[in-house]
Amino acid sequence: MNRPVVVGVDGSPSSLVAAEHAARTAVQRSTPLHLVHGYLHPSGYGVPFNPYELGIPKPNDEAQSMLERAAADLADRWPGLTVQVRQVAGGPGATLVEESRRAELVVVGSRGHGGFAGLLLGSVGSQVAAHAHCPVLVVRPTEAPVAPGGPALVAVDGSESAEVAVGQAADEATRQQTELVLVHVHTPGATDAAEVLDTAVAAARGSHPGLAVTARQLRAEKPDQALIEASRDAALMVVGSRGRGGFTGMLLGSVSQSLVQHAHCPVLVAHPYGRAR
């Protein structure tokens, strides 16, 4: 099955930046790109208020034009890219989570319509990053563009979620032909830092022979702050969906959530692939 790269597009600058990243990624993976617009507000906007007006509203003509313009622009700048557009009657977060069941990757911007530069990741992005059935790439406009050629960093802590993150980070580093750096933050009182890193390095090198893999141990009381600082020189930061002590039904772990919100480069939230339906 040729799973597509899916990106949520609502016409906002943040979503258009996400679409650009999604196009680049689709070309790298030789997969189609799907631009998806969920046209019902999560709180019910767009649903008929009259109880006698049953049914779901029709797709919006203005939104369709926006999607088609974005698709044409991306197709012009990325020759060979196959782009499809679709409006889905559903809240944008729920729509992208459902689309993720059949996707290779879901890409979201940091803020949608109504977002402000100082705010954190919007509710849609947070919902998708936490609940998707495939990896999620979170991108945001930055004042200083990410320098090409930077390493792919992955945070490791010995959890199952981090093991998934290491595998997906190694895949990304291979595609981007860059170095993979495994980072473990050694907090006061911890004693297993060397073992955690050695195990992760062995796994990455074993699954991706020839990939340049290095380990970096940081000492800090707050792992999230140390990793945010480390992301300044990275092309990509990869995190697990949960850390140690996480449970399947929970949202992102606190460190991953902080990186998704504040990292200085795009963040890939690693999720195992769900079964396509």
Protein backbone atom coordinates (compact mmCIF):
# COMPACT_ATOMS: atom_id res chain seq x y z
CA MET A 1 0.00 0.00 0.00
CA ASN A 2 1.43 3.38 -1.04
CA ARG A 3 0.49 5.47 1.98
CA PRO A 4 0.36 9.24 1.33
CA VAL A 5 1.89 12.09 3.26
CA VAL A 6 -1.09 13.99 4.68
CA VAL A 7 -1.04 17.65 5.68
CA GLY A 8 -3.79 19.72 7.24
CA VAL A 9 -4.32 22.97 5.34
CA ASP A 10 -6.63 25.82 6.38
CA GLY A 11 -5.06 28.70 4.43
CA SER A 12 -3.13 30.08 7.41
CA PRO A 13 0.60 30.88 6.99
CA SER A 14 1.44 28.11 9.46
CA SER A 15 -0.46 25.48 7.49
CA LEU A 16 1.11 26.59 4.20
CA VAL A 17 4.58 26.24 5.72
CA ALA A 18 3.52 22.75 6.82
CA ALA A 19 2.36 21.99 3.27
CA GLU A 20 5.78 22.97 1.91
CA HIS A 21 7.51 20.61 4.35
CA ALA A 22 4.98 17.89 3.47
CA ALA A 23 5.70 18.28 -0.25
CA ARG A 24 9.44 17.96 0.32
CA THR A 25 8.91 14.89 2.47
CA ALA A 26 6.55 13.26 -0.05
CA VAL A 27 9.17 13.69 -2.78
CA GLN A 28 11.85 12.17 -0.53
CA ARG A 29 9.61 9.18 0.19
CA SER A 30 8.21 8.85 -3.36
CA THR A 31 4.66 8.99 -2.04
CA PRO A 32 1.62 11.09 -3.02
CA LEU A 33 0.70 14.20 -1.07
CA HIS A 34 -2.81 14.77 0.25
CA LEU A 35 -3.93 18.25 1.30
CA VAL A 36 -6.82 17.82 3.72
CA HIS A 37 -9.17 20.44 5.12
CA GLY A 38 -11.55 19.53 7.95
CA TYR A 39 -14.37 22.03 7.53
CA LEU A 40 -16.37 21.62 10.72
CA HIS A 41 -15.12 23.46 13.78
CA PRO A 42 -14.31 21.13 16.74
CA SER A 43 -17.04 22.81 18.82
CA GLY A 44 -19.63 22.32 16.11
CA TYR A 45 -19.20 25.36 13.88
CA GLY A 46 -20.75 24.65 10.52
CA VAL A 47 -23.33 22.20 11.85
CA PRO A 48 -26.94 23.28 11.22
CA PHE A 49 -28.45 24.96 14.27
CA ASN A 50 -31.99 24.26 13.09
CA PRO A 51 -32.86 20.73 14.29
CA TYR A 52 -35.01 20.26 11.18
CA GLU A 53 -32.01 20.92 8.90
CA LEU A 54 -30.56 17.45 9.09
CA GLY A 55 -27.44 16.35 7.29
CA ILE A 56 -23.90 17.60 6.97
CA PRO A 57 -23.01 20.91 5.33
CA LYS A 58 -21.50 20.78 1.87
CA PRO A 59 -17.81 21.50 1.32
CA ASN A 60 -16.95 25.18 1.18
CA ASP A 61 -16.21 26.63 -2.28
CA GLU A 62 -13.72 29.13 -0.88
CA ALA A 63 -11.84 26.41 0.98
CA GLN A 64 -11.81 24.26 -2.16
CA SER A 65 -10.28 27.11 -4.15
CA MET A 66 -7.66 27.60 -1.42
CA LEU A 67 -6.75 23.91 -1.52
CA GLU A 68 -6.52 23.84 -5.30
CA ARG A 69 -4.28 26.93 -5.39
CA ALA A 70 -1.97 25.40 -2.80
CA ALA A 71 -1.87 22.10 -4.70
CA ALA A 72 -1.07 23.80 -8.01
CA ASP A 73 1.70 25.84 -6.42
CA LEU A 74 3.31 22.78 -4.83
CA ALA A 75 3.02 20.72 -8.01
CA ASP A 76 4.76 23.49 -9.98
CA ARG A 77 7.66 23.68 -7.54
CA TRP A 78 8.04 19.93 -7.00
CA PRO A 79 7.99 18.26 -10.44
CA GLY A 80 6.73 14.70 -10.33
CA LEU A 81 4.80 15.20 -7.12
CA THR A 82 1.25 13.84 -7.14
CA VAL A 83 -1.07 16.08 -5.14
CA GLN A 84 -4.68 15.41 -4.16
CA VAL A 85 -7.00 17.73 -2.25
CA ARG A 86 -9.98 16.83 -0.14
CA GLN A 87 -12.41 18.45 2.25
CA VAL A 88 -13.70 16.29 5.06
CA ALA A 89 -16.78 17.01 7.17
CA GLY A 90 -15.21 16.90 10.60
CA GLY A 91 -13.22 18.89 13.11
CA PRO A 92 -9.67 19.39 11.83
CA GLY A 93 -8.01 17.49 14.67
CA ALA A 94 -10.32 14.47 14.50
CA THR A 95 -10.09 14.50 10.71
CA LEU A 96 -6.29 14.30 10.68
CA VAL A 97 -6.23 11.61 13.37
CA GLU A 98 -8.58 9.51 11.24
CA GLU A 99 -6.54 10.24 8.08
CA SER A 100 -3.42 9.07 9.94
CA ARG A 101 -4.75 5.49 9.92
CA ARG A 102 -3.92 5.31 6.20
CA ALA A 103 -0.99 7.76 6.06
CA GLU A 104 2.76 7.45 5.84
CA LEU A 105 3.13 10.69 7.76
CA VAL A 106 0.89 13.52 8.97
CA VAL A 107 2.28 17.07 8.90
CA VAL A 108 0.79 19.89 10.96
CA GLY A 109 1.66 23.53 11.41
CA SER A 110 2.18 25.02 14.84
CA ARG A 111 -0.88 27.28 14.62
CA GLY A 112 -3.95 27.53 12.45
CA HIS A 113 -6.28 30.46 11.80
CA GLY A 114 -6.41 32.84 14.73
CA GLY A 115 -2.99 31.83 16.03
CA PHE A 116 -0.52 34.39 17.36
CA ALA A 117 3.25 34.26 17.18
CA GLY A 118 3.70 34.01 20.95
CA LEU A 119 1.27 31.14 21.48
CA LEU A 120 2.19 27.50 21.84
CA LEU A 121 1.15 24.69 19.52
CA GLY A 122 -2.54 24.98 18.72
CA SER A 123 -5.12 22.49 19.95
CA VAL A 124 -5.37 20.78 16.57
CA GLY A 125 -1.63 20.15 16.38
CA SER A 126 -1.54 18.90 19.97
CA GLN A 127 -4.45 16.54 19.36
CA VAL A 128 -2.88 15.05 16.25
CA ALA A 129 0.60 14.76 17.77
CA ALA A 130 -0.82 12.87 20.75
CA HIS A 131 -3.33 10.54 19.08
CA ALA A 132 -2.19 9.85 15.51
CA HIS A 133 -1.76 6.31 14.17
CA CYS A 134 1.43 7.18 12.27
CA PRO A 135 4.38 9.54 12.78
CA VAL A 136 3.53 13.26 13.01
CA LEU A 137 5.81 16.07 11.85
CA VAL A 138 5.20 19.41 13.58
CA VAL A 139 6.67 22.43 11.80
CA ARG A 140 6.51 26.13 12.55
CA PRO A 141 7.65 29.29 10.79
CA THR A 142 10.94 30.47 12.26
CA GLU A 143 12.77 33.77 12.06
CA ALA A 144 16.00 31.91 11.23
CA PRO A 145 15.40 29.04 8.75
CA VAL A 146 16.78 25.66 9.79
CA ALA A 147 20.20 25.21 8.20
CA PRO A 148 20.34 22.26 5.78
CA GLY A 149 22.76 19.52 6.69
CA GLY A 150 22.15 19.66 10.43
CA PRO A 151 21.88 16.35 12.29
CA ALA A 152 18.76 14.47 13.21
CA LEU A 153 18.52 14.36 17.00
CA VAL A 154 16.52 11.74 18.86
CA ALA A 155 15.81 11.76 22.58
CA VAL A 156 16.33 8.36 24.24
CA ASP A 157 15.37 7.26 27.74
CA GLY A 158 15.16 3.47 27.52
CA SER A 159 11.37 3.37 27.06
CA GLU A 160 9.54 1.42 24.35
CA SER A 161 8.37 4.71 22.90
CA ALA A 162 11.98 5.87 22.58
CA GLU A 163 12.88 2.64 20.78
CA VAL A 164 10.27 3.47 18.14
CA ALA A 165 11.67 7.01 17.95
CA VAL A 166 15.22 5.75 17.37
CA GLY A 167 14.09 3.57 14.47
CA GLN A 168 12.14 6.36 12.80
CA ALA A 169 14.93 8.88 13.44
CA ALA A 170 17.41 6.53 11.75
CA ASP A 171 15.06 6.28 8.76
CA GLU A 172 14.87 10.08 8.52
CA ALA A 173 18.63 10.56 8.88
CA THR A 174 19.17 8.04 6.08
CA ARG A 175 16.69 9.81 3.79
CA GLN A 176 18.25 13.20 4.50
CA GLN A 177 21.79 11.82 4.29
CA THR A 178 22.75 13.36 7.59
CA GLU A 179 24.16 12.29 10.93
CA LEU A 180 21.99 10.69 13.60
CA VAL A 181 22.69 11.95 17.12
CA LEU A 182 21.18 10.06 20.06
CA VAL A 183 20.76 12.29 23.09
CA HIS A 184 20.19 11.16 26.66
CA VAL A 185 19.77 13.66 29.47
CA HIS A 186 21.43 12.40 32.65
CA THR A 187 19.47 13.74 35.59
CA PRO A 188 20.79 13.82 39.18
CA GLY A 189 20.55 10.39 40.77
CA ALA A 190 20.24 8.45 37.49
CA THR A 191 22.71 5.59 37.03
CA ASP A 192 21.84 3.96 33.70
CA ALA A 193 22.78 6.69 31.20
CA ALA A 194 25.65 4.77 29.55
CA GLU A 195 23.58 1.59 29.21
CA VAL A 196 20.62 3.44 27.71
CA LEU A 197 22.81 5.14 25.11
CA ASP A 198 24.83 2.03 24.25
CA THR A 199 21.67 0.01 23.66
CA ALA A 200 20.13 2.70 21.45
CA VAL A 201 23.33 3.20 19.42
CA ALA A 202 23.65 -0.54 18.81
CA ALA A 203 20.03 -0.73 17.64
CA ALA A 204 20.43 2.19 15.22
CA ARG A 205 23.69 0.92 13.74
CA GLY A 206 22.35 -2.61 13.47
CA SER A 207 19.24 -1.57 11.53
CA HIS A 208 20.97 1.07 9.38
CA PRO A 209 24.48 -0.07 8.43
CA GLY A 210 26.61 2.79 7.13
CA LEU A 211 24.62 5.49 8.92
CA ALA A 212 26.77 7.88 10.96
CA VAL A 213 25.52 7.47 14.54
CA THR A 214 26.89 9.30 17.56
CA ALA A 215 25.82 9.47 21.18
CA ARG A 216 25.59 12.58 23.31
CA GLN A 217 25.04 12.63 27.04
CA LEU A 218 23.77 15.83 28.63
CA ARG A 219 23.63 16.56 32.35
CA ALA A 220 20.69 18.66 33.45
CA GLU A 221 17.96 18.77 36.05
CA LYS A 222 15.30 19.50 33.41
CA PRO A 223 15.56 17.18 30.38
CA ASP A 224 13.17 19.24 28.27
CA GLN A 225 15.20 22.44 28.60
CA ALA A 226 18.45 20.65 27.73
CA LEU A 227 16.88 19.06 24.64
CA ILE A 228 15.30 22.34 23.51
CA GLU A 229 18.73 23.96 23.64
CA ALA A 230 20.28 21.03 21.75
CA SER A 231 17.68 21.45 18.98
CA ARG A 232 19.15 24.82 17.95
CA ASP A 233 21.70 23.19 15.64
CA ALA A 234 19.51 20.31 14.44
CA ALA A 235 17.60 19.81 11.22
CA LEU A 236 15.10 17.57 13.00
CA MET A 237 14.25 16.49 16.54
CA VAL A 238 12.57 13.10 17.00
CA VAL A 239 10.72 12.22 20.20
CA GLY A 240 8.66 9.31 21.43
CA SER A 241 4.99 9.71 22.12
CA ARG A 242 5.48 8.68 25.76
CA GLY A 243 8.44 8.35 28.09
CA ARG A 244 9.04 6.05 31.00
CA GLY A 245 5.91 5.40 33.01
CA GLY A 246 3.64 6.41 30.12
CA PHE A 247 0.37 4.64 29.44
CA THR A 248 -1.25 3.94 26.10
CA GLY A 249 -4.26 6.15 26.70
CA MET A 250 -2.31 9.19 27.84
CA LEU A 251 -1.32 12.21 25.82
CA LEU A 252 2.27 13.07 24.99
CA GLY A 253 4.73 12.74 27.83
CA SER A 254 5.82 16.01 29.40
CA VAL A 255 9.27 16.11 27.76
CA SER A 256 7.91 15.31 24.30
CA GLN A 257 5.14 17.86 24.73
CA SER A 258 7.64 20.54 25.72
CA LEU A 259 9.82 19.80 22.67
CA VAL A 260 6.83 19.86 20.32
CA GLN A 261 5.97 23.27 21.73
CA HIS A 262 9.38 24.89 21.96
CA ALA A 263 12.05 23.15 19.85
CA HIS A 264 13.98 25.32 17.38
CA CYS A 265 13.56 22.85 14.50
CA PRO A 266 10.80 20.62 13.15
CA VAL A 267 9.79 17.85 15.57
CA LEU A 268 8.84 14.34 14.51
CA VAL A 269 6.61 12.59 17.06
CA ALA A 270 7.22 8.87 16.55
CA HIS A 271 4.16 6.61 16.54
CA PRO A 272 4.06 2.99 15.39
CA TYR A 273 1.98 2.58 12.26
CA GLY A 274 -1.62 1.57 12.84
CA ARG A 275 -3.46 -0.90 10.68
CA ALA A 276 -4.94 0.85 7.63
CA ARG A 277 -8.72 0.77 7.37
